[in-house]
Amino acid sequence: MAKLTRMRRRGVTVILGALITALLAIGVMATPLPYVVLKPGPTVNTLGSDNGKEVIQVTKADTSTSTGQLRLTTVGVQPDVELVWAIRGWFSNEQAVVPRELIYPPDQSEKQVEQQNAQEFQSSQTSAETVALRELGYPVETYVTSVTAGGPSAGALEKDDIITAVDGTPVISSQKLTELIRAKPTGTALTVAYTRAGKPGTAKITTKVEKDSDVPRIGVAIAQRQPHPFTVKIDLDEIGGPSAGLMFTLGIIDKLRPADLTGGKIIAGTGTIDDDGNVGPIGGIPQKLVGAKDAGAQIFLVPADNCAEALRNAVPGLPMAKVATVDDALKALSTFTSGGTPTPCSAS
């Protein structure tokens, strides 16, 4: 009887041990890890509607209707990751498990990151409009708001002059003007072209530095504007960051040009855009390629600096075109819709 009792006790101990081990395993599996999972996010046709609203809204101008699509791509972020999700992500071809601090820096809350993403999203829209309107024939005007008394431009430039070039290089934005002035040493005589009351002129202006500064200046305050007879608004919720800039730019151009940029094709892409029309790199290219393919994309526009990563994560049946500027993207679309092969991504 004593032997049977001992056997029963050992059996209960084994069962309890197994149960405790299982509970501990469940606890480990459910414990949040310092990682996030990146997944293919939704894609949006910039020429269409989202939640019942046109993505790109134009008023006071005729717009065209395209037979194809220009789809921006996104990455979904799973911020709370348990071990079971991390394991799935590590073995998935479509997901990536990355340290949480890469998406949510330790010195920022999730809300602060979301606010920053919203600001970058808004900035990308502004740059997209600037570049698209310039492509459509509405240039940015950098104009003088005031001239410093006794400064380098006194007697040479006047308030409301539109500065068009410096030493023959076109001034396409206020930032470009600043870059051109600072590109040469202080004391350089610059040839500044301008338009005053509709008439062109030039002036020789020698740069100087102000007190407590070593930055070359020409002694004017400037601002920029881009006159056009219509309004453009982008209305899209729950997307953040700057990576939709390129596709917004192409969408605005396509809406306001009679010609159909898409040629009836489904075109996806990604990339930031700056006021000069340069396409910059983004994150999450593997997930965006998968999302684009799932949406039926027939070609993907890849920022030049993302090409090496894109090639490592190429999706069968989805060709990729390398673009470094909005002009590259327009050329790629023209080539592709005409039956040609745009400049492909290369590892270099």
Protein backbone atom coordinates (compact mmCIF):
# COMPACT_ATOMS: atom_id res chain seq x y z
CA MET A 1 0.00 0.00 0.00
CA ALA A 2 2.85 2.39 0.89
CA LYS A 3 4.51 1.59 -2.46
CA LEU A 4 1.28 2.38 -4.35
CA THR A 5 0.94 5.67 -2.46
CA ARG A 6 4.51 6.65 -3.40
CA MET A 7 3.83 5.82 -7.06
CA ARG A 8 0.70 7.96 -7.01
CA ARG A 9 2.66 10.85 -5.47
CA ARG A 10 5.37 10.54 -8.17
CA GLY A 11 2.66 10.54 -10.85
CA VAL A 12 1.07 13.67 -9.43
CA THR A 13 4.50 15.32 -9.21
CA VAL A 14 5.23 14.52 -12.87
CA ILE A 15 1.85 15.87 -13.96
CA LEU A 16 2.27 19.03 -11.87
CA GLY A 17 5.78 19.48 -13.25
CA ALA A 18 4.55 19.13 -16.79
CA LEU A 19 1.69 21.53 -16.10
CA ILE A 20 4.03 24.11 -14.55
CA THR A 21 6.42 23.77 -17.51
CA ALA A 22 3.55 24.28 -19.95
CA LEU A 23 2.31 27.32 -18.03
CA LEU A 24 5.81 28.79 -18.00
CA ALA A 25 6.10 28.16 -21.74
CA ILE A 26 2.77 29.89 -22.32
CA GLY A 27 3.98 32.81 -20.22
CA VAL A 28 7.16 33.09 -22.28
CA MET A 29 5.22 32.85 -25.52
CA ALA A 30 2.90 35.63 -24.37
CA THR A 31 5.60 37.95 -23.03
CA PRO A 32 6.03 41.06 -25.24
CA LEU A 33 9.44 41.22 -26.93
CA PRO A 34 11.53 44.32 -27.84
CA TYR A 35 10.77 43.79 -31.52
CA VAL A 36 8.15 44.79 -34.07
CA VAL A 37 6.92 42.84 -37.08
CA LEU A 38 6.82 44.55 -40.48
CA LYS A 39 4.16 43.27 -42.87
CA PRO A 40 2.91 44.22 -46.33
CA GLY A 41 0.51 47.11 -45.82
CA PRO A 42 -2.38 48.33 -47.95
CA THR A 43 -1.79 49.96 -51.31
CA VAL A 44 -3.82 52.96 -52.50
CA ASN A 45 -4.53 54.12 -56.04
CA THR A 46 -3.66 57.83 -55.99
CA LEU A 47 -5.89 58.32 -59.04
CA GLY A 48 -8.89 56.77 -57.32
CA SER A 49 -10.82 57.03 -54.07
CA ASP A 50 -10.25 55.89 -50.51
CA ASN A 51 -13.09 55.60 -47.99
CA GLY A 52 -15.42 57.26 -50.47
CA LYS A 53 -13.21 60.31 -51.07
CA GLU A 54 -10.99 61.14 -54.01
CA VAL A 55 -7.36 60.82 -52.94
CA ILE A 56 -6.21 63.75 -55.09
CA GLN A 57 -8.82 66.49 -55.27
CA VAL A 58 -8.49 69.28 -57.84
CA THR A 59 -10.81 72.28 -58.01
CA LYS A 60 -11.07 75.07 -60.61
CA ALA A 61 -9.45 72.93 -63.31
CA ASP A 62 -10.41 70.17 -65.70
CA THR A 63 -9.03 66.76 -64.76
CA SER A 64 -8.50 63.63 -66.84
CA THR A 65 -9.53 60.08 -66.06
CA SER A 66 -6.94 57.33 -66.39
CA THR A 67 -7.66 53.75 -67.39
CA GLY A 68 -4.90 52.41 -65.14
CA GLN A 69 -3.70 52.95 -61.59
CA LEU A 70 -0.82 54.61 -59.76
CA ARG A 71 -0.61 52.82 -56.43
CA LEU A 72 1.37 53.98 -53.41
CA THR A 73 2.57 51.20 -51.13
CA THR A 74 2.82 50.97 -47.36
CA VAL A 75 4.23 48.82 -44.57
CA GLY A 76 2.11 47.53 -41.72
CA VAL A 77 3.73 47.59 -38.28
CA GLN A 78 2.74 45.18 -35.50
CA PRO A 79 4.08 47.03 -32.43
CA ASP A 80 3.32 44.44 -29.72
CA VAL A 81 5.11 41.21 -30.53
CA GLU A 82 4.94 38.00 -28.54
CA LEU A 83 7.36 35.14 -29.13
CA VAL A 84 4.91 33.18 -31.24
CA TRP A 85 4.53 36.14 -33.65
CA ALA A 86 8.27 36.71 -33.72
CA ILE A 87 8.85 33.08 -34.66
CA ARG A 88 6.29 33.32 -37.44
CA GLY A 89 7.89 36.52 -38.69
CA TRP A 90 11.41 35.04 -38.66
CA PHE A 91 10.28 32.15 -40.86
CA SER A 92 8.10 34.28 -43.17
CA ASN A 93 9.17 35.43 -46.62
CA GLU A 94 6.80 38.39 -46.42
CA GLN A 95 7.47 39.70 -42.91
CA ALA A 96 10.47 41.08 -41.07
CA VAL A 97 11.21 41.12 -37.34
CA VAL A 98 13.28 44.18 -36.42
CA PRO A 99 14.33 45.77 -33.12
CA ARG A 100 11.56 47.96 -31.77
CA GLU A 101 13.91 50.94 -31.37
CA LEU A 102 14.31 51.16 -35.17
CA ILE A 103 10.64 52.13 -35.46
CA TYR A 104 10.02 53.59 -32.01
CA PRO A 105 13.20 55.27 -30.69
CA PRO A 106 13.63 54.97 -26.93
CA ASP A 107 13.39 58.74 -26.47
CA GLN A 108 10.03 58.94 -28.25
CA SER A 109 6.59 57.59 -27.40
CA GLU A 110 4.45 55.83 -30.00
CA LYS A 111 2.26 58.93 -30.14
CA GLN A 112 5.29 61.15 -30.83
CA VAL A 113 6.41 58.81 -33.62
CA GLU A 114 2.92 58.93 -35.12
CA GLN A 115 2.95 62.74 -34.95
CA GLN A 116 6.33 62.85 -36.68
CA ASN A 117 5.09 60.48 -39.37
CA ALA A 118 2.05 62.70 -39.90
CA GLN A 119 4.29 65.76 -40.30
CA GLU A 120 6.51 63.95 -42.80
CA PHE A 121 3.42 62.81 -44.69
CA GLN A 122 2.19 66.39 -44.94
CA SER A 123 5.62 67.60 -46.05
CA SER A 124 5.72 64.93 -48.76
CA GLN A 125 2.38 66.16 -50.08
CA THR A 126 3.66 69.74 -50.24
CA SER A 127 6.80 68.72 -52.13
CA ALA A 128 4.77 66.49 -54.44
CA GLU A 129 2.53 69.42 -55.35
CA THR A 130 5.54 71.70 -55.88
CA VAL A 131 7.28 69.26 -58.23
CA ALA A 132 4.10 68.30 -60.11
CA LEU A 133 3.06 71.90 -60.71
CA ARG A 134 6.54 72.78 -61.99
CA GLU A 135 6.33 69.82 -64.38
CA LEU A 136 2.94 71.12 -65.51
CA GLY A 137 4.37 74.55 -66.34
CA TYR A 138 3.87 76.44 -63.08
CA PRO A 139 7.40 77.23 -61.83
CA VAL A 140 8.32 78.15 -58.30
CA GLU A 141 9.14 81.84 -57.98
CA THR A 142 11.77 82.85 -55.46
CA TYR A 143 11.25 86.53 -54.80
CA VAL A 144 12.80 89.29 -52.70
CA THR A 145 10.78 90.40 -49.69
CA SER A 146 13.30 92.97 -48.47
CA VAL A 147 16.80 94.29 -49.24
CA THR A 148 19.27 94.96 -46.43
CA ALA A 149 20.24 98.62 -46.33
CA GLY A 150 23.92 98.97 -47.21
CA GLY A 151 24.13 95.26 -48.00
CA PRO A 152 25.53 93.55 -51.13
CA SER A 153 22.24 93.81 -53.05
CA ALA A 154 21.41 97.42 -52.17
CA GLY A 155 20.88 99.32 -55.43
CA ALA A 156 20.99 96.08 -57.43
CA LEU A 157 17.88 94.18 -56.35
CA GLU A 158 14.50 95.47 -55.22
CA LYS A 159 11.56 94.18 -53.23
CA ASP A 160 9.39 91.80 -55.33
CA ASP A 161 12.18 90.99 -57.81
CA ILE A 162 11.95 87.34 -58.86
CA ILE A 163 15.42 85.74 -58.81
CA THR A 164 15.66 83.33 -61.74
CA ALA A 165 19.32 82.23 -61.90
CA VAL A 166 22.73 82.51 -60.29
CA ASP A 167 25.76 82.28 -62.61
CA GLY A 168 23.52 80.67 -65.20
CA THR A 169 22.08 77.97 -62.92
CA PRO A 170 18.27 78.19 -62.68
CA VAL A 171 16.80 78.99 -59.28
CA ILE A 172 13.97 76.49 -58.93
CA SER A 173 13.34 77.06 -55.22
CA SER A 174 14.41 79.28 -52.35
CA GLN A 175 16.52 76.40 -51.06
CA LYS A 176 18.30 76.20 -54.40
CA LEU A 177 19.10 79.92 -54.27
CA THR A 178 20.62 79.51 -50.82
CA GLU A 179 22.70 76.56 -52.03
CA LEU A 180 24.01 78.50 -55.03
CA ILE A 181 25.03 81.48 -52.91
CA ARG A 182 26.79 79.30 -50.34
CA ALA A 183 28.51 77.10 -52.95
CA LYS A 184 31.28 79.66 -53.51
CA PRO A 185 33.62 81.47 -51.07
CA THR A 186 32.69 84.76 -49.49
CA GLY A 187 33.71 87.67 -51.70
CA THR A 188 32.68 85.94 -54.94
CA ALA A 189 30.98 88.16 -57.51
CA LEU A 190 27.81 86.36 -58.60
CA THR A 191 25.77 87.10 -61.70
CA VAL A 192 22.19 87.17 -60.44
CA ALA A 193 19.41 87.07 -63.03
CA TYR A 194 16.01 88.42 -62.04
CA THR A 195 12.65 89.51 -63.38
CA ARG A 196 11.29 92.91 -62.33
CA ALA A 197 7.75 93.89 -63.28
CA GLY A 198 7.85 91.32 -66.04
CA LYS A 199 11.17 92.46 -67.51
CA PRO A 200 14.40 90.42 -67.20
CA GLY A 201 17.64 91.86 -65.85
CA THR A 202 20.97 90.87 -64.31
CA ALA A 203 23.12 92.23 -61.53
CA LYS A 204 26.66 91.58 -60.26
CA ILE A 205 26.49 91.00 -56.52
CA THR A 206 29.51 90.21 -54.33
CA THR A 207 28.75 88.00 -51.34
CA LYS A 208 29.58 89.08 -47.80
CA VAL A 209 29.23 87.64 -44.31
CA GLU A 210 27.21 89.15 -41.52
CA LYS A 211 28.45 89.71 -37.99
CA ASP A 212 29.03 86.50 -36.02
CA SER A 213 28.59 84.37 -39.14
CA ASP A 214 30.85 82.86 -41.81
CA VAL A 215 28.02 82.07 -44.26
CA PRO A 216 28.10 83.95 -47.60
CA ARG A 217 25.03 86.13 -48.16
CA ILE A 218 23.75 88.65 -50.71
CA GLY A 219 21.78 90.75 -48.23
CA VAL A 220 18.18 89.96 -49.11
CA ALA A 221 15.26 88.24 -47.44
CA ILE A 222 13.41 85.84 -49.74
CA ALA A 223 10.24 83.79 -49.96
CA GLN A 224 8.79 81.51 -52.59
CA ARG A 225 5.42 81.07 -54.29
CA GLN A 226 4.04 79.01 -57.13
CA PRO A 227 1.12 80.81 -58.79
CA HIS A 228 -1.48 78.53 -60.39
CA PRO A 229 -5.20 78.99 -61.11
CA PHE A 230 -6.48 75.89 -59.33
CA THR A 231 -6.18 74.11 -56.01
CA VAL A 232 -4.86 70.65 -55.21
CA LYS A 233 -5.65 68.73 -52.03
CA ILE A 234 -4.61 65.24 -50.98
CA ASP A 235 -7.11 63.51 -48.70
CA LEU A 236 -5.86 60.23 -47.28
CA ASP A 237 -6.19 58.98 -43.73
CA GLU A 238 -4.15 56.58 -41.60
CA ILE A 239 -0.97 56.73 -43.65
CA GLY A 240 2.18 58.41 -42.38
CA GLY A 241 5.76 59.08 -43.36
CA PRO A 242 7.27 60.60 -46.50
CA SER A 243 7.49 57.54 -48.76
CA ALA A 244 4.36 58.30 -50.84
CA GLY A 245 5.87 61.50 -52.25
CA LEU A 246 6.78 60.09 -55.66
CA MET A 247 3.40 58.47 -56.28
CA PHE A 248 1.54 61.62 -55.20
CA THR A 249 3.66 63.63 -57.65
CA LEU A 250 2.82 61.29 -60.52
CA GLY A 251 -0.85 61.24 -59.51
CA ILE A 252 -1.15 65.04 -59.60
CA ILE A 253 0.55 65.20 -62.99
CA ASP A 254 -1.69 62.50 -64.40
CA LYS A 255 -4.86 64.17 -63.08
CA LEU A 256 -4.01 67.50 -64.70
CA ARG A 257 -2.59 66.27 -68.01
CA PRO A 258 -4.92 65.07 -70.77
CA ALA A 259 -2.56 62.18 -71.55
CA ASP A 260 -2.93 58.98 -69.52
CA LEU A 261 0.41 58.25 -67.83
CA THR A 262 -0.65 54.72 -66.91
CA GLY A 263 -1.54 53.43 -70.38
CA GLY A 264 -4.15 51.26 -68.67
CA LYS A 265 -1.49 49.52 -66.54
CA ILE A 266 -1.36 49.05 -62.77
CA ILE A 267 1.80 50.79 -61.64
CA ALA A 268 3.05 50.76 -58.06
CA GLY A 269 6.00 52.45 -56.46
CA THR A 270 7.50 54.23 -53.52
CA GLY A 271 10.03 56.93 -52.71
CA THR A 272 10.32 60.30 -51.05
CA ILE A 273 10.33 63.46 -53.13
CA ASP A 274 12.05 66.78 -52.46
CA ASP A 275 11.31 70.19 -53.97
CA ASP A 276 13.93 69.61 -56.67
CA GLY A 277 12.23 66.41 -57.84
CA ASN A 278 14.78 63.96 -56.43
CA VAL A 279 13.47 60.55 -55.37
CA GLY A 280 14.88 59.37 -52.06
CA PRO A 281 15.15 55.94 -50.40
CA ILE A 282 12.60 54.50 -48.00
CA GLY A 283 12.25 51.59 -45.60
CA GLY A 284 10.28 48.37 -45.92
CA ILE A 285 10.97 47.72 -49.59
CA PRO A 286 10.52 43.89 -49.24
CA GLN A 287 7.05 44.29 -47.74
CA LYS A 288 6.05 46.95 -50.28
CA LEU A 289 7.02 44.71 -53.18
CA VAL A 290 4.79 41.94 -51.84
CA GLY A 291 1.91 44.36 -51.26
CA ALA A 292 2.28 45.71 -54.80
CA LYS A 293 2.21 42.25 -56.33
CA ASP A 294 -0.86 41.31 -54.29
CA ALA A 295 -2.58 44.46 -55.63
CA GLY A 296 -1.96 43.38 -59.21
CA ALA A 297 0.90 45.75 -60.01
CA GLN A 298 2.60 45.15 -63.35
CA ILE A 299 5.73 47.18 -62.56
CA PHE A 300 7.26 48.73 -59.44
CA LEU A 301 9.11 52.06 -59.37
CA VAL A 302 12.08 51.68 -57.00
CA PRO A 303 14.21 54.56 -55.65
CA ALA A 304 17.74 54.14 -57.03
CA ASP A 305 19.22 53.87 -53.53
CA ASN A 306 16.85 50.97 -52.70
CA CYS A 307 17.68 48.91 -55.78
CA ALA A 308 20.21 46.58 -54.16
CA GLU A 309 17.77 45.69 -51.38
CA ALA A 310 14.91 45.36 -53.87
CA LEU A 311 16.93 42.91 -55.98
CA ARG A 312 17.61 40.75 -52.91
CA ASN A 313 13.88 40.64 -52.25
CA ALA A 314 12.58 40.52 -55.82
CA VAL A 315 9.05 39.19 -56.25
CA PRO A 316 8.56 36.85 -59.23
CA GLY A 317 6.43 38.41 -61.94
CA LEU A 318 6.96 41.99 -60.75
CA PRO A 319 9.56 43.89 -62.83
CA MET A 320 11.28 46.83 -61.17
CA ALA A 321 12.32 50.17 -62.67
CA LYS A 322 15.11 52.28 -61.18
CA VAL A 323 14.22 55.95 -60.62
CA ALA A 324 16.33 58.71 -59.10
CA THR A 325 14.17 61.70 -60.12
CA VAL A 326 10.59 62.39 -61.09
CA ASP A 327 11.82 62.76 -64.69
CA ASP A 328 13.19 59.20 -64.46
CA ALA A 329 9.79 58.02 -63.26
CA LEU A 330 7.94 59.78 -66.09
CA LYS A 331 10.37 58.28 -68.61
CA ALA A 332 9.92 54.83 -67.06
CA LEU A 333 6.14 55.11 -67.38
CA SER A 334 6.35 56.29 -70.98
CA THR A 335 8.71 53.44 -71.88
CA PHE A 336 6.69 50.77 -70.08
CA THR A 337 3.29 51.82 -71.43
CA SER A 338 4.77 51.89 -74.96
CA GLY A 339 5.86 48.27 -74.65
CA GLY A 340 9.50 48.92 -73.80
CA THR A 341 11.65 48.03 -70.81
CA PRO A 342 12.48 50.88 -68.40
CA THR A 343 15.91 51.13 -66.79
CA PRO A 344 15.98 48.12 -64.48
CA CYS A 345 17.28 48.04 -60.92
CA SER A 346 20.95 47.17 -60.64
CA ALA A 347 22.96 46.18 -57.61
CA SER A 348 25.34 49.13 -57.93
